[in-house]
């Protein structure tokens, strides 16, 4: 099954379909990637923040980050 990992409703639909077809869902793997060739100055702050989070989550130090929804909002709480 495929779902746009940036679209929460697409993820919910994919999970519901998996459970309907298989009866359960033990593991969900998200294989998302973005490639944009441009100079560093061309990237927005938001794109840079997402890239930094992805880089962190790929490191062994993030091994205990599981089942989490991480909000990237530039430090704003609202």
N, C-alpha and C. Protein backbone atom coordinates (compact mmCIF):
# COMPACT_ATOMS: atom_id res chain seq x y z
N UNK A 1 0.83 -1.18 0.00
CA UNK A 1 0.00 0.00 0.00
C UNK A 1 0.87 1.23 0.00
N UNK A 2 0.42 2.24 -0.66
CA UNK A 2 1.15 3.49 -0.69
C UNK A 2 0.24 4.60 -0.17
N UNK A 3 0.87 5.56 0.52
CA UNK A 3 0.14 6.72 1.01
C UNK A 3 1.11 7.88 1.10
N UNK A 4 0.62 9.06 0.86
CA UNK A 4 1.44 10.27 0.99
C UNK A 4 1.67 10.52 2.47
N UNK A 5 2.92 10.38 2.91
CA UNK A 5 3.22 10.51 4.34
C UNK A 5 3.03 11.93 4.85
N UNK A 6 2.86 12.89 3.97
CA UNK A 6 2.59 14.27 4.40
C UNK A 6 1.10 14.51 4.56
N UNK A 7 0.29 13.52 4.24
CA UNK A 7 -1.17 13.66 4.29
C UNK A 7 -1.74 12.71 5.34
N UNK A 8 -2.06 13.23 6.53
CA UNK A 8 -2.56 12.36 7.60
C UNK A 8 -3.77 11.53 7.21
N UNK A 9 -4.67 12.07 6.42
CA UNK A 9 -5.86 11.29 6.03
C UNK A 9 -5.47 10.12 5.12
N UNK A 10 -4.46 10.30 4.28
CA UNK A 10 -3.99 9.21 3.43
C UNK A 10 -3.37 8.10 4.27
N UNK A 11 -2.65 8.47 5.31
CA UNK A 11 -2.05 7.48 6.21
C UNK A 11 -3.15 6.71 6.94
N UNK A 12 -4.14 7.43 7.48
CA UNK A 12 -5.25 6.75 8.17
C UNK A 12 -5.97 5.78 7.24
N UNK A 13 -6.20 6.19 5.99
CA UNK A 13 -6.88 5.33 5.03
C UNK A 13 -6.05 4.09 4.74
N UNK A 14 -4.75 4.25 4.54
CA UNK A 14 -3.88 3.10 4.26
C UNK A 14 -3.86 2.13 5.43
N UNK A 15 -3.79 2.65 6.66
CA UNK A 15 -3.79 1.78 7.84
C UNK A 15 -5.12 1.04 7.93
N UNK A 16 -6.23 1.74 7.72
CA UNK A 16 -7.56 1.10 7.78
C UNK A 16 -7.68 0.01 6.72
N UNK A 17 -7.17 0.25 5.52
CA UNK A 17 -7.20 -0.75 4.46
C UNK A 17 -6.36 -1.97 4.83
N UNK A 18 -5.19 -1.74 5.42
CA UNK A 18 -4.33 -2.85 5.83
C UNK A 18 -5.02 -3.70 6.89
N UNK A 19 -5.63 -3.05 7.86
CA UNK A 19 -6.32 -3.79 8.93
C UNK A 19 -7.50 -4.55 8.36
N UNK A 20 -8.22 -3.94 7.43
CA UNK A 20 -9.37 -4.60 6.82
C UNK A 20 -8.93 -5.83 6.03
N UNK A 21 -7.84 -5.72 5.28
CA UNK A 21 -7.38 -6.83 4.45
C UNK A 21 -6.66 -7.90 5.25
N UNK A 22 -5.89 -7.49 6.27
CA UNK A 22 -5.03 -8.42 6.98
C UNK A 22 -5.50 -8.76 8.39
N UNK A 23 -6.44 -7.98 8.91
CA UNK A 23 -6.93 -8.23 10.25
C UNK A 23 -6.16 -7.51 11.33
N UNK A 24 -4.91 -7.12 11.05
CA UNK A 24 -4.08 -6.41 12.01
C UNK A 24 -2.97 -5.69 11.27
N UNK A 25 -2.31 -4.81 11.97
CA UNK A 25 -1.15 -4.13 11.41
C UNK A 25 -0.10 -4.09 12.50
N UNK A 26 0.96 -4.86 12.32
CA UNK A 26 2.02 -4.94 13.31
C UNK A 26 3.11 -3.90 13.10
N UNK A 27 3.45 -3.64 11.84
CA UNK A 27 4.56 -2.74 11.53
C UNK A 27 4.16 -1.86 10.36
N UNK A 28 4.44 -0.58 10.48
CA UNK A 28 4.26 0.35 9.38
C UNK A 28 5.62 0.96 9.06
N UNK A 29 6.02 0.90 7.80
CA UNK A 29 7.29 1.46 7.37
C UNK A 29 7.02 2.65 6.47
N UNK A 30 7.61 3.76 6.81
CA UNK A 30 7.48 4.96 5.99
C UNK A 30 8.80 5.14 5.26
N UNK A 31 8.72 5.09 3.95
CA UNK A 31 9.90 5.28 3.12
C UNK A 31 9.66 6.53 2.28
N UNK A 32 9.95 7.67 2.87
CA UNK A 32 9.69 8.95 2.21
C UNK A 32 11.01 9.61 1.86
N UNK A 33 11.04 10.24 0.75
CA UNK A 33 12.25 10.95 0.36
C UNK A 33 11.92 12.15 -0.50
N UNK A 34 12.77 13.12 -0.42
CA UNK A 34 12.60 14.34 -1.21
C UNK A 34 13.95 14.69 -1.80
N UNK A 35 13.95 15.01 -3.07
CA UNK A 35 15.18 15.44 -3.71
C UNK A 35 14.91 16.77 -4.38
N UNK A 36 15.70 17.75 -4.03
CA UNK A 36 15.59 19.07 -4.66
C UNK A 36 16.99 19.58 -4.86
N UNK A 37 17.35 19.78 -6.09
CA UNK A 37 18.68 20.29 -6.41
C UNK A 37 18.61 21.80 -6.53
N UNK A 38 19.25 22.48 -5.59
CA UNK A 38 19.27 23.94 -5.58
C UNK A 38 20.37 24.40 -4.65
N UNK A 39 20.68 25.66 -4.71
CA UNK A 39 21.67 26.21 -3.79
C UNK A 39 21.05 26.28 -2.39
N UNK A 40 21.87 26.33 -1.38
CA UNK A 40 21.39 26.38 -0.01
C UNK A 40 20.48 27.59 0.20
N UNK A 41 20.81 28.69 -0.43
CA UNK A 41 20.00 29.90 -0.26
C UNK A 41 18.58 29.74 -0.80
N UNK A 42 18.37 28.79 -1.71
CA UNK A 42 17.06 28.62 -2.32
C UNK A 42 16.08 27.87 -1.42
N UNK A 43 16.58 27.19 -0.38
CA UNK A 43 15.71 26.43 0.50
C UNK A 43 15.07 27.35 1.54
N UNK A 44 13.81 27.07 1.84
CA UNK A 44 13.12 27.83 2.87
C UNK A 44 13.53 27.32 4.25
N UNK A 45 13.24 28.10 5.27
CA UNK A 45 13.54 27.69 6.64
C UNK A 45 12.80 26.39 6.97
N UNK A 46 11.55 26.28 6.52
CA UNK A 46 10.76 25.09 6.79
C UNK A 46 11.40 23.85 6.17
N UNK A 47 11.87 23.96 4.93
CA UNK A 47 12.51 22.82 4.27
C UNK A 47 13.78 22.41 5.01
N UNK A 48 14.52 23.38 5.50
CA UNK A 48 15.74 23.10 6.24
C UNK A 48 15.41 22.39 7.55
N UNK A 49 14.36 22.83 8.24
CA UNK A 49 13.97 22.19 9.49
C UNK A 49 13.55 20.74 9.27
N UNK A 50 12.81 20.47 8.21
CA UNK A 50 12.39 19.10 7.91
C UNK A 50 13.61 18.24 7.61
N UNK A 51 14.54 18.76 6.83
CA UNK A 51 15.75 18.00 6.49
C UNK A 51 16.57 17.69 7.74
N UNK A 52 16.66 18.64 8.65
CA UNK A 52 17.42 18.40 9.89
C UNK A 52 16.75 17.34 10.75
N UNK A 53 15.42 17.34 10.81
CA UNK A 53 14.72 16.33 11.58
C UNK A 53 14.91 14.95 10.96
N UNK A 54 14.79 14.85 9.65
CA UNK A 54 15.00 13.57 8.97
C UNK A 54 16.41 13.06 9.21
N UNK A 55 17.39 13.94 9.14
CA UNK A 55 18.78 13.55 9.38
C UNK A 55 18.95 13.03 10.81
N UNK A 56 18.32 13.69 11.77
CA UNK A 56 18.41 13.24 13.15
C UNK A 56 17.75 11.86 13.31
N UNK A 57 16.56 11.69 12.76
CA UNK A 57 15.84 10.43 12.92
C UNK A 57 16.57 9.25 12.26
N UNK A 58 17.42 9.53 11.30
CA UNK A 58 18.19 8.48 10.64
C UNK A 58 19.40 8.04 11.46
N UNK A 59 19.72 8.76 12.51
CA UNK A 59 20.90 8.45 13.33
C UNK A 59 20.55 7.40 14.40
N UNK A 60 21.53 6.64 14.82
CA UNK A 60 21.30 5.65 15.88
C UNK A 60 20.77 6.27 17.17
N UNK A 61 21.15 7.50 17.45
CA UNK A 61 20.71 8.17 18.67
C UNK A 61 19.19 8.33 18.74
N UNK A 62 18.52 8.26 17.61
CA UNK A 62 17.06 8.41 17.58
C UNK A 62 16.36 7.05 17.62
N UNK A 63 17.09 6.01 17.95
CA UNK A 63 16.54 4.67 17.95
C UNK A 63 15.36 4.46 18.87
N UNK A 64 15.25 5.25 19.92
CA UNK A 64 14.14 5.09 20.84
C UNK A 64 12.98 6.03 20.54
N UNK A 65 13.04 6.76 19.45
CA UNK A 65 11.93 7.61 19.02
C UNK A 65 11.01 6.72 18.21
N UNK A 66 9.92 6.30 18.81
CA UNK A 66 8.98 5.41 18.13
C UNK A 66 7.56 5.88 18.38
N UNK A 67 6.70 5.63 17.43
CA UNK A 67 5.29 5.97 17.58
C UNK A 67 5.06 7.43 17.88
N UNK A 68 5.85 8.31 17.29
CA UNK A 68 5.76 9.72 17.61
C UNK A 68 5.30 10.54 16.42
N UNK A 69 4.51 11.55 16.71
CA UNK A 69 4.18 12.56 15.71
C UNK A 69 4.97 13.80 16.12
N UNK A 70 5.87 14.23 15.29
CA UNK A 70 6.75 15.35 15.63
C UNK A 70 6.30 16.58 14.86
N UNK A 71 6.01 17.63 15.58
CA UNK A 71 5.58 18.87 14.96
C UNK A 71 6.78 19.75 14.68
N UNK A 72 6.90 20.19 13.44
CA UNK A 72 7.97 21.12 13.07
C UNK A 72 7.29 22.46 12.81
N UNK A 73 7.54 23.40 13.72
CA UNK A 73 6.84 24.67 13.59
C UNK A 73 7.74 25.88 13.90
N UNK A 74 9.03 25.69 13.79
CA UNK A 74 9.94 26.81 14.01
C UNK A 74 9.98 27.30 15.45
N UNK A 75 9.52 26.49 16.38
CA UNK A 75 9.53 26.89 17.78
C UNK A 75 8.28 27.60 18.23
N UNK A 76 7.32 27.77 17.33
CA UNK A 76 6.05 28.43 17.70
C UNK A 76 5.13 27.42 18.36
N UNK A 77 4.45 27.83 19.38
CA UNK A 77 3.55 26.94 20.09
C UNK A 77 2.11 27.04 19.58
N UNK A 78 1.79 28.11 18.90
CA UNK A 78 0.41 28.31 18.45
C UNK A 78 0.17 27.68 17.11
